[in-house]
Amino acid sequence: MTTEGIDTLFNYPLPQGAVVDPRDPRTWVVTEGYANDRNGHVPTGAQMPEYVVQQTGVPATTFYYNPKAFVYAFCAVAAYHKVDYIEPTAEIYNFEAEALGQALVYGENSMPTIDSRTPLIAEYGDIDKLVVPDDWLARGRVRNSFELQRLFRGVGIVAGYSTAPFTLAVALRGYPRLIRDMRKEPAFAHELFTRLSDEVLPSYLKAYHEYTGLPAVNANDAWAAFPNLTPDLMREWVLPYAARLTKNCLPFGLTTSVTVAADYVVDPATGFNKAMFYDCLDVQRELLDGVPVYALLCGKTHDYPLDMLVEYLDARPDSEESVLLMGLEAALLRDGPVERIVDAVRRFIDAFARQTTLTIYLSGVPADTPPHHVEAAITAIHTFGRYPIVDDLDDVAFKVPSRESLSEYIDRMSSGAGLNWENGGGTK
């Protein structure tokens, strides 16, 4: 993978000449949101579908099934909080599995999720159920997924999202069964990964490419993290099939990158293994053919010994070319307090923003997170992360601003029309 491929994830171009359209919250993002000064500070990203549902009042049974409702509600909240980079989907890991016949749990007030009690491939013979559909758009909610990613092109996105081979295998087989297969029935496990990498996902991604017109996709692999897998297992079971998937998508013109793998997800209070941590970072480099991109998104990163990561980066000759994605943990964002959130942001920026390309990511904002906490996190990132980064961040004045409410913001931006998904409305 090249640095150009990385740009598709975190440096996509802004639409030119955009003006505010009260009927389209996507224009609020590119005029009121990150477009104001995206390159002037450390940028932010956010995974926050459940928070968006809670804050906008769009019912979950609409949000997760109506692409326009999803996109408009997500963009309104992103514009309100001035999120810099927009993620064009929520349930990244469900669409392909559902289309293949995997059972999901559909809640009235929650995101659809894999039903791990009834895996599609419960027995070895069930692998024959992996039949590539003649028409992906007629299966499950694939059309929903493709359409919402197409709609997100309105904010300049050039890369969508899909599931990577290992994480899709977990969805279809179940994690305990899959790990047992890898140890006791490796031939079966290799056949499963081969079918997913050579047949199922290339077919799905070709349909995605044709529908959305997007030239790139980031295949997310959150299950391929430590301690779910050791780095040695990642090298045996993740890297080869990621490479196969990338190769298999090139003939139809799609740039495919497996991302968010080899994350080191631990609670430092129970132990932090420096050697294992470094090996996970090495795997991330290997996954991207040596491009120095590192993602620490899902652990209690605010409690990590940051000096270990600084030491790792400084020891590499391409340290100044490093791209670092640091996540603020969901529980920290929800529970706070604000002072602890702000302190985590300040420490991330002080440790990394001067010598790497840093993005700070709000990793899964829970539904019941106070908006004041989200505002504190993003304001802190934009305040302490102002380029050039000052020598002593303790000298930087910080205060969480008093804001109009989200509903007041939507009312003002929409001239009273609301979020304007089908039949209007959608705000609390």
Protein backbone atom coordinates (compact mmCIF):
# COMPACT_ATOMS: atom_id res chain seq x y z
CA MET A 1 0.00 0.00 0.00
CA THR A 2 1.17 3.54 -0.75
CA THR A 3 0.76 6.76 1.16
CA GLU A 4 -1.74 7.69 -1.54
CA GLY A 5 -3.84 4.78 -0.34
CA ILE A 6 -3.70 6.12 3.21
CA ASP A 7 -4.90 9.48 1.92
CA THR A 8 -8.15 7.87 0.82
CA LEU A 9 -8.94 7.21 4.47
CA PHE A 10 -7.90 10.41 6.23
CA ASN A 11 -7.08 13.05 3.60
CA TYR A 12 -9.93 12.94 1.13
CA PRO A 13 -10.52 16.20 -0.78
CA LEU A 14 -13.19 18.70 0.13
CA PRO A 15 -15.90 19.51 -2.42
CA GLN A 16 -15.14 22.82 -4.06
CA GLY A 17 -17.52 25.76 -4.02
CA ALA A 18 -19.93 24.22 -1.52
CA VAL A 19 -22.61 26.47 -0.07
CA VAL A 20 -25.08 25.80 2.73
CA ASP A 21 -28.23 24.06 1.54
CA PRO A 22 -30.81 23.99 4.37
CA ARG A 23 -32.20 20.78 2.85
CA ASP A 24 -28.91 18.86 2.83
CA PRO A 25 -26.83 18.46 6.03
CA ARG A 26 -23.91 17.21 3.95
CA THR A 27 -23.35 20.81 2.95
CA TRP A 28 -23.29 21.81 6.61
CA VAL A 29 -20.29 19.54 7.11
CA VAL A 30 -18.25 21.03 4.28
CA THR A 31 -19.15 24.64 5.07
CA GLU A 32 -19.79 24.81 8.81
CA GLY A 33 -17.77 21.82 9.95
CA TYR A 34 -14.29 20.59 9.11
CA ALA A 35 -13.94 22.72 5.96
CA ASN A 36 -13.34 25.81 8.08
CA ASP A 37 -9.79 24.85 9.07
CA ARG A 38 -9.26 21.12 8.67
CA ASN A 39 -5.55 21.43 7.94
CA GLY A 40 -4.82 23.99 10.64
CA HIS A 41 -4.96 21.59 13.56
CA VAL A 42 -4.74 17.95 14.57
CA PRO A 43 -7.88 16.46 12.97
CA THR A 44 -10.61 14.36 14.50
CA GLY A 45 -12.64 11.38 13.43
CA ALA A 46 -15.60 9.77 15.19
CA GLN A 47 -17.46 6.49 15.20
CA MET A 48 -20.76 7.55 16.71
CA PRO A 49 -23.91 6.00 15.18
CA GLU A 50 -25.61 5.21 18.50
CA TYR A 51 -24.84 8.72 19.75
CA VAL A 52 -26.31 10.20 16.55
CA VAL A 53 -29.52 8.19 17.01
CA GLN A 54 -29.85 9.38 20.61
CA GLN A 55 -29.08 13.02 19.89
CA THR A 56 -31.17 13.51 16.75
CA GLY A 57 -34.14 11.37 17.76
CA VAL A 58 -34.17 9.55 14.42
CA PRO A 59 -35.55 6.09 15.32
CA ALA A 60 -33.03 3.27 15.09
CA THR A 61 -35.51 1.41 12.89
CA THR A 62 -35.21 4.29 10.42
CA PHE A 63 -31.57 5.24 10.92
CA TYR A 64 -30.15 1.79 10.16
CA TYR A 65 -32.51 1.06 7.26
CA ASN A 66 -32.93 4.39 5.47
CA PRO A 67 -29.63 5.53 3.90
CA LYS A 68 -30.70 9.15 3.55
CA ALA A 69 -31.79 9.33 7.19
CA PHE A 70 -28.46 7.83 8.27
CA VAL A 71 -26.33 10.19 6.18
CA TYR A 72 -28.27 13.36 6.97
CA ALA A 73 -28.44 12.69 10.71
CA PHE A 74 -24.77 11.71 10.89
CA CYS A 75 -23.66 14.75 8.94
CA ALA A 76 -25.75 17.12 11.06
CA VAL A 77 -24.12 15.87 14.26
CA ALA A 78 -20.65 15.87 12.68
CA ALA A 79 -21.12 19.45 11.50
CA TYR A 80 -22.41 20.53 14.90
CA HIS A 81 -19.38 19.11 16.72
CA LYS A 82 -16.97 20.03 13.88
CA VAL A 83 -15.72 16.49 13.32
CA ASP A 84 -12.97 16.68 10.71
CA TYR A 85 -13.25 13.31 8.95
CA ILE A 86 -16.48 11.49 8.29
CA GLU A 87 -16.85 7.70 8.45
CA PRO A 88 -19.40 6.58 5.87
CA THR A 89 -20.98 3.67 7.71
CA ALA A 90 -21.78 2.28 11.15
CA GLU A 91 -22.21 -1.48 11.18
CA ILE A 92 -19.18 -2.16 9.02
CA TYR A 93 -19.08 -5.86 9.83
CA ASN A 94 -22.66 -6.97 9.14
CA PHE A 95 -23.69 -6.37 5.56
CA GLU A 96 -21.69 -9.07 3.77
CA ALA A 97 -22.46 -11.69 6.42
CA GLU A 98 -26.19 -10.91 6.38
CA ALA A 99 -26.25 -11.14 2.58
CA LEU A 100 -24.65 -14.59 2.76
CA GLY A 101 -27.35 -15.81 5.13
CA GLN A 102 -25.87 -15.12 8.58
CA ALA A 103 -28.55 -14.40 11.19
CA LEU A 104 -28.54 -10.96 12.79
CA VAL A 105 -30.21 -9.57 15.89
CA TYR A 106 -32.48 -6.65 14.99
CA GLY A 107 -33.36 -4.42 17.92
CA GLU A 108 -35.98 -1.70 18.12
CA ASN A 109 -33.50 0.77 19.59
CA SER A 110 -30.12 -0.59 18.55
CA MET A 111 -27.85 -1.32 15.62
CA PRO A 112 -28.31 -4.71 13.93
CA THR A 113 -25.57 -7.07 15.01
CA ILE A 114 -24.31 -10.59 14.30
CA ASP A 115 -26.22 -13.33 16.15
CA SER A 116 -23.22 -15.27 17.45
CA ARG A 117 -25.53 -17.98 18.83
CA THR A 118 -26.33 -19.25 15.34
CA PRO A 119 -23.28 -19.03 13.07
CA LEU A 120 -23.88 -19.69 9.40
CA ILE A 121 -20.98 -22.14 9.32
CA ALA A 122 -21.75 -24.11 12.47
CA GLU A 123 -20.41 -27.40 11.07
CA TYR A 124 -17.58 -28.08 8.66
CA GLY A 125 -19.98 -29.10 5.91
CA ASP A 126 -21.69 -25.72 6.18
CA ILE A 127 -18.82 -24.12 4.26
CA ASP A 128 -20.77 -25.04 1.13
CA LYS A 129 -23.29 -22.40 2.19
CA LEU A 130 -20.74 -19.79 1.06
CA VAL A 131 -22.33 -19.20 -2.31
CA VAL A 132 -21.59 -15.92 -4.07
CA PRO A 133 -24.94 -14.27 -4.84
CA ASP A 134 -25.86 -13.65 -8.45
CA ASP A 135 -27.08 -10.21 -7.40
CA TRP A 136 -25.63 -8.74 -4.21
CA LEU A 137 -28.09 -5.84 -4.34
CA ALA A 138 -30.98 -8.24 -3.87
CA ARG A 139 -29.53 -9.73 -0.68
CA GLY A 140 -29.97 -8.47 2.87
CA ARG A 141 -29.33 -4.74 3.22
CA VAL A 142 -26.50 -4.53 0.70
CA ARG A 143 -28.28 -1.88 -1.33
CA ASN A 144 -28.66 0.12 1.90
CA SER A 145 -24.92 -0.09 2.56
CA PHE A 146 -23.94 0.87 -0.97
CA GLU A 147 -26.41 3.73 -1.14
CA LEU A 148 -25.33 5.37 2.10
CA GLN A 149 -21.69 5.15 0.99
CA ARG A 150 -22.64 6.67 -2.35
CA LEU A 151 -24.46 9.50 -0.57
CA PHE A 152 -21.38 10.22 1.52
CA ARG A 153 -19.56 11.18 -1.68
CA GLY A 154 -21.29 14.51 -1.10
CA VAL A 155 -18.74 15.31 1.61
CA GLY A 156 -15.80 14.38 -0.61
CA ILE A 157 -15.19 10.81 0.56
CA VAL A 158 -13.30 8.67 -1.97
CA ALA A 159 -13.06 5.44 0.06
CA GLY A 160 -15.83 3.41 1.63
CA TYR A 161 -15.74 0.53 4.07
CA SER A 162 -16.17 -3.22 4.05
CA THR A 163 -15.28 -6.23 6.19
CA ALA A 164 -11.84 -7.86 5.99
CA PRO A 165 -11.46 -11.65 5.56
CA PHE A 166 -10.60 -12.52 9.17
CA THR A 167 -13.39 -10.48 10.73
CA LEU A 168 -15.91 -11.81 8.19
CA ALA A 169 -14.81 -15.34 9.07
CA VAL A 170 -15.50 -14.57 12.74
CA ALA A 171 -18.99 -13.33 11.81
CA LEU A 172 -19.79 -16.51 9.87
CA ARG A 173 -18.07 -19.12 12.03
CA GLY A 174 -17.86 -17.56 15.49
CA TYR A 175 -14.63 -16.60 17.22
CA PRO A 176 -14.18 -19.69 19.46
CA ARG A 177 -14.85 -22.11 16.59
CA LEU A 178 -12.56 -20.21 14.24
CA ILE A 179 -9.65 -20.20 16.67
CA ARG A 180 -10.11 -23.93 17.23
CA ASP A 181 -10.13 -24.47 13.46
CA MET A 182 -6.90 -22.53 13.06
CA ARG A 183 -5.22 -24.78 15.64
CA LYS A 184 -6.79 -28.18 15.04
CA GLU A 185 -8.24 -28.05 11.51
CA PRO A 186 -5.96 -25.62 9.63
CA ALA A 187 -6.88 -27.03 6.22
CA PHE A 188 -10.52 -26.12 6.81
CA ALA A 189 -9.60 -22.67 8.12
CA HIS A 190 -7.39 -21.98 5.11
CA GLU A 191 -10.20 -23.06 2.78
CA LEU A 192 -12.60 -20.67 4.53
CA PHE A 193 -10.18 -17.72 4.31
CA THR A 194 -9.36 -18.56 0.70
CA ARG A 195 -13.02 -18.56 -0.34
CA LEU A 196 -13.60 -15.24 1.41
CA SER A 197 -10.49 -13.60 -0.07
CA ASP A 198 -10.68 -15.04 -3.58
CA GLU A 199 -14.41 -15.32 -4.23
CA VAL A 200 -16.85 -13.76 -1.78
CA LEU A 201 -15.30 -10.40 -0.95
CA PRO A 202 -13.94 -9.62 -4.45
CA SER A 203 -17.42 -10.25 -5.86
CA TYR A 204 -19.02 -8.07 -3.19
CA LEU A 205 -16.48 -5.28 -3.68
CA LYS A 206 -16.88 -5.32 -7.43
CA ALA A 207 -20.61 -4.72 -6.92
CA TYR A 208 -19.76 -1.97 -4.41
CA HIS A 209 -17.37 -0.31 -6.86
CA GLU A 210 -19.89 -0.40 -9.71
CA TYR A 211 -22.72 1.00 -7.55
CA THR A 212 -20.94 3.73 -5.63
CA GLY A 213 -18.32 4.79 -8.15
CA LEU A 214 -15.84 5.04 -5.28
CA PRO A 215 -12.30 4.07 -6.29
CA ALA A 216 -11.13 2.67 -2.94
CA VAL A 217 -12.30 0.69 0.06
CA ASN A 218 -10.91 0.15 3.54
CA ALA A 219 -11.61 -3.40 4.68
CA ASN A 220 -11.80 -3.16 8.46
CA ASP A 221 -10.43 -6.01 10.58
CA ALA A 222 -11.17 -5.15 14.20
CA TRP A 223 -11.31 -8.82 15.29
CA ALA A 224 -7.69 -9.25 14.19
CA ALA A 225 -6.41 -7.50 17.31
CA PHE A 226 -4.34 -8.50 20.31
CA PRO A 227 -5.24 -10.38 22.49
CA ASN A 228 -7.71 -12.03 20.08
CA LEU A 229 -4.67 -13.00 18.01
CA THR A 230 -0.97 -12.96 18.73
CA PRO A 231 1.27 -11.18 16.20
CA ASP A 232 2.51 -14.58 14.97
CA LEU A 233 -1.06 -15.68 14.28
CA MET A 234 -1.72 -12.36 12.53
CA ARG A 235 1.21 -13.04 10.21
CA GLU A 236 -0.10 -16.52 9.44
CA TRP A 237 -3.83 -15.86 9.14
CA VAL A 238 -4.36 -12.15 8.48
CA LEU A 239 -1.54 -10.76 6.34
CA PRO A 240 -1.60 -13.37 3.53
CA TYR A 241 -5.34 -13.12 2.99
CA ALA A 242 -5.31 -9.33 3.18
CA ALA A 243 -2.75 -9.37 0.39
CA ARG A 244 -4.86 -11.80 -1.64
CA LEU A 245 -7.93 -9.61 -1.30
CA THR A 246 -6.00 -6.54 -2.44
CA LYS A 247 -4.62 -8.42 -5.45
CA ASN A 248 -8.03 -9.83 -6.40
CA CYS A 249 -9.64 -6.38 -6.50
CA LEU A 250 -7.05 -4.76 -8.76
CA PRO A 251 -8.42 -6.21 -12.04
CA PHE A 252 -11.66 -4.23 -11.73
CA GLY A 253 -9.91 -1.03 -10.64
CA LEU A 254 -10.57 -0.97 -6.89
CA THR A 255 -7.85 -0.05 -4.40
CA THR A 256 -8.46 -2.28 -1.38
CA SER A 257 -6.60 -1.90 1.91
CA VAL A 258 -7.10 -3.97 5.05
CA THR A 259 -7.01 -1.54 7.97
CA VAL A 260 -7.59 -1.39 11.75
CA ALA A 261 -5.85 -4.75 12.23
CA ALA A 262 -3.17 -5.62 14.81
CA ASP A 263 -4.52 -3.10 17.31
CA TYR A 264 -3.11 -3.64 20.80
CA VAL A 265 -6.23 -3.66 22.98
CA VAL A 266 -5.41 -4.06 26.65
CA ASP A 267 -6.15 -2.55 30.02
CA PRO A 268 -2.76 -1.27 31.24
CA ALA A 269 -3.91 -1.79 34.82
CA THR A 270 -3.67 -5.54 34.25
CA GLY A 271 -0.34 -5.47 32.41
CA PHE A 272 1.34 -3.96 29.39
CA ASN A 273 3.72 -6.14 27.39
CA LYS A 274 6.22 -3.91 25.61
CA ALA A 275 7.56 -6.62 23.31
CA MET A 276 4.06 -7.70 22.26
CA PHE A 277 3.05 -4.07 21.77
CA TYR A 278 6.00 -3.45 19.48
CA ASP A 279 5.33 -6.65 17.55
CA CYS A 280 1.74 -5.54 16.90
CA LEU A 281 3.05 -2.23 15.55
CA ASP A 282 5.45 -4.18 13.31
CA VAL A 283 2.51 -6.19 11.97
CA GLN A 284 0.66 -2.98 11.13
CA ARG A 285 3.64 -1.85 9.05
CA GLU A 286 3.83 -5.24 7.34
CA LEU A 287 0.13 -5.13 6.55
CA LEU A 288 0.68 -1.91 4.60
CA ASP A 289 3.90 -3.01 2.89
CA GLY A 290 6.11 -0.95 5.16
CA VAL A 291 4.10 2.27 5.11
CA PRO A 292 4.40 3.66 8.68
CA VAL A 293 0.74 3.88 9.66
CA TYR A 294 -0.23 2.87 13.18
CA ALA A 295 -3.72 2.59 14.66
CA LEU A 296 -4.37 2.38 18.41
CA LEU A 297 -8.10 2.84 18.47
CA CYS A 298 -9.91 0.42 20.73
CA GLY A 299 -7.95 0.06 23.96
CA LYS A 300 -7.65 2.27 27.03
CA THR A 301 -5.14 4.38 25.14
CA HIS A 302 -5.38 7.26 27.62
CA ASP A 303 -3.72 4.98 30.19
CA TYR A 304 -1.03 3.57 27.86
CA PRO A 305 2.63 4.32 28.63
CA LEU A 306 3.03 6.77 25.75
CA ASP A 307 6.79 6.90 26.18
CA MET A 308 6.95 3.34 24.83
CA LEU A 309 5.27 4.42 21.60
CA VAL A 310 7.51 7.48 21.34
CA GLU A 311 10.53 5.20 21.76
CA TYR A 312 9.25 2.85 19.04
CA LEU A 313 8.66 5.68 16.57
CA ASP A 314 11.95 7.44 17.29
CA ALA A 315 13.89 4.24 16.61
CA ARG A 316 12.69 4.14 12.99
CA PRO A 317 14.32 6.14 10.19
CA ASP A 318 10.91 7.11 8.77
CA SER A 319 9.62 8.43 12.11
CA GLU A 320 8.69 11.84 10.68
CA GLU A 321 6.62 10.15 7.96
CA SER A 322 4.56 8.20 10.48
CA VAL A 323 0.77 8.44 10.48
CA LEU A 324 -0.72 7.77 13.91
CA LEU A 325 -4.39 7.20 14.73
CA MET A 326 -5.05 7.43 18.46
CA GLY A 327 -8.46 6.58 19.88
CA LEU A 328 -10.28 8.08 22.83
CA GLU A 329 -12.01 5.15 24.50
CA ALA A 330 -15.81 4.97 24.55
CA ALA A 331 -16.06 4.66 28.34
CA LEU A 332 -13.79 7.67 28.84
CA LEU A 333 -15.95 9.75 26.50
CA ARG A 334 -19.13 8.72 28.27
CA ASP A 335 -18.01 8.81 31.90
CA GLY A 336 -15.44 11.61 31.77
CA PRO A 337 -14.96 13.73 33.68
CA VAL A 338 -14.16 16.50 31.24
CA GLU A 339 -10.80 17.12 32.90
CA ARG A 340 -9.73 13.54 32.25
CA ILE A 341 -10.80 13.70 28.60
CA VAL A 342 -8.94 16.96 28.08
CA ASP A 343 -5.85 15.61 29.82
CA ALA A 344 -5.79 12.57 27.50
CA VAL A 345 -6.03 14.82 24.45
CA ARG A 346 -3.26 17.09 25.72
CA ARG A 347 -0.95 14.13 26.38
CA PHE A 348 -1.57 12.61 22.91
CA ILE A 349 -0.80 15.90 21.21
CA ASP A 350 2.22 16.66 23.35
CA ALA A 351 3.70 13.21 22.74
CA PHE A 352 3.03 12.80 19.01
CA ALA A 353 1.75 15.83 17.11
CA ARG A 354 5.15 17.43 16.56
CA GLN A 355 6.78 14.46 14.86
CA THR A 356 3.93 12.45 13.28
CA THR A 357 0.77 13.02 11.29
CA LEU A 358 -1.66 12.55 14.15
CA THR A 359 -5.42 12.01 14.04
CA ILE A 360 -7.39 11.58 17.26
CA TYR A 361 -10.43 9.39 16.91
CA LEU A 362 -13.53 9.21 19.10
CA SER A 363 -13.79 5.42 19.18
CA GLY A 364 -17.41 4.44 19.49
CA VAL A 365 -19.27 7.26 21.24
CA PRO A 366 -21.93 5.58 23.43
CA ALA A 367 -25.55 6.64 23.06
CA ASP A 368 -25.71 8.14 26.54
CA THR A 369 -22.55 10.22 26.23
CA PRO A 370 -23.15 13.82 27.36
CA PRO A 371 -22.77 16.18 24.39
CA HIS A 372 -20.60 18.36 26.63
CA HIS A 373 -18.03 15.53 26.73
CA VAL A 374 -17.92 15.25 22.93
CA GLU A 375 -17.63 19.01 22.63
CA ALA A 376 -14.82 19.03 25.21
CA ALA A 377 -12.87 16.32 23.36
CA ILE A 378 -13.08 17.92 19.93
CA THR A 379 -12.50 21.46 21.19
CA ALA A 380 -9.43 20.24 23.11
CA ILE A 381 -8.06 18.53 20.00
CA HIS A 382 -8.54 21.65 17.89
CA THR A 383 -7.16 23.93 20.64
CA PHE A 384 -4.04 22.08 21.80
CA GLY A 385 -3.50 20.67 18.33
CA ARG A 386 -3.25 24.03 16.58
CA TYR A 387 -0.26 24.03 14.22
CA PRO A 388 2.49 24.77 14.93
CA ILE A 389 2.24 22.95 18.24
CA VAL A 390 3.54 25.18 21.02
CA ASP A 391 6.40 23.99 23.21
CA ASP A 392 4.42 24.02 26.46
CA LEU A 393 0.77 23.06 26.13
CA ASP A 394 0.17 24.08 29.73
CA ASP A 395 0.44 27.66 28.47
CA VAL A 396 -2.52 27.17 26.11
CA ALA A 397 -5.80 28.50 27.50
CA PHE A 398 -8.70 26.07 27.21
CA LYS A 399 -12.38 26.30 27.88
CA VAL A 400 -15.29 24.25 26.62
CA PRO A 401 -17.48 26.74 24.75
CA SER A 402 -21.11 27.35 25.54
CA ARG A 403 -23.09 26.19 22.54
CA GLU A 404 -26.61 26.23 21.24
CA SER A 405 -28.18 22.78 21.53
CA LEU A 406 -28.06 20.34 18.62
CA SER A 407 -31.79 20.76 18.02
CA GLU A 408 -31.35 24.55 17.92
CA TYR A 409 -28.42 24.14 15.53
CA ILE A 410 -30.42 21.89 13.20
CA ASP A 411 -33.37 24.28 13.32
CA ARG A 412 -31.11 27.22 12.42
CA MET A 413 -29.20 25.43 9.65
CA SER A 414 -32.32 23.91 8.09
CA SER A 415 -34.45 27.07 8.35
CA GLY A 416 -36.84 25.09 10.50
CA ALA A 417 -37.20 22.12 8.14
CA GLY A 418 -35.34 19.56 10.28
CA LEU A 419 -33.08 16.90 8.83
CA ASN A 420 -35.14 16.56 5.66
CA TRP A 421 -34.91 12.83 5.22
CA GLU A 422 -38.07 11.40 3.69
CA ASN A 423 -41.16 13.39 4.69
CA GLY A 424 -38.99 15.83 6.65
CA GLY A 425 -38.48 15.93 10.38
CA GLY A 426 -36.23 13.65 12.34
CA THR A 427 -35.10 15.94 15.11
CA LYS A 428 -36.18 15.74 18.71
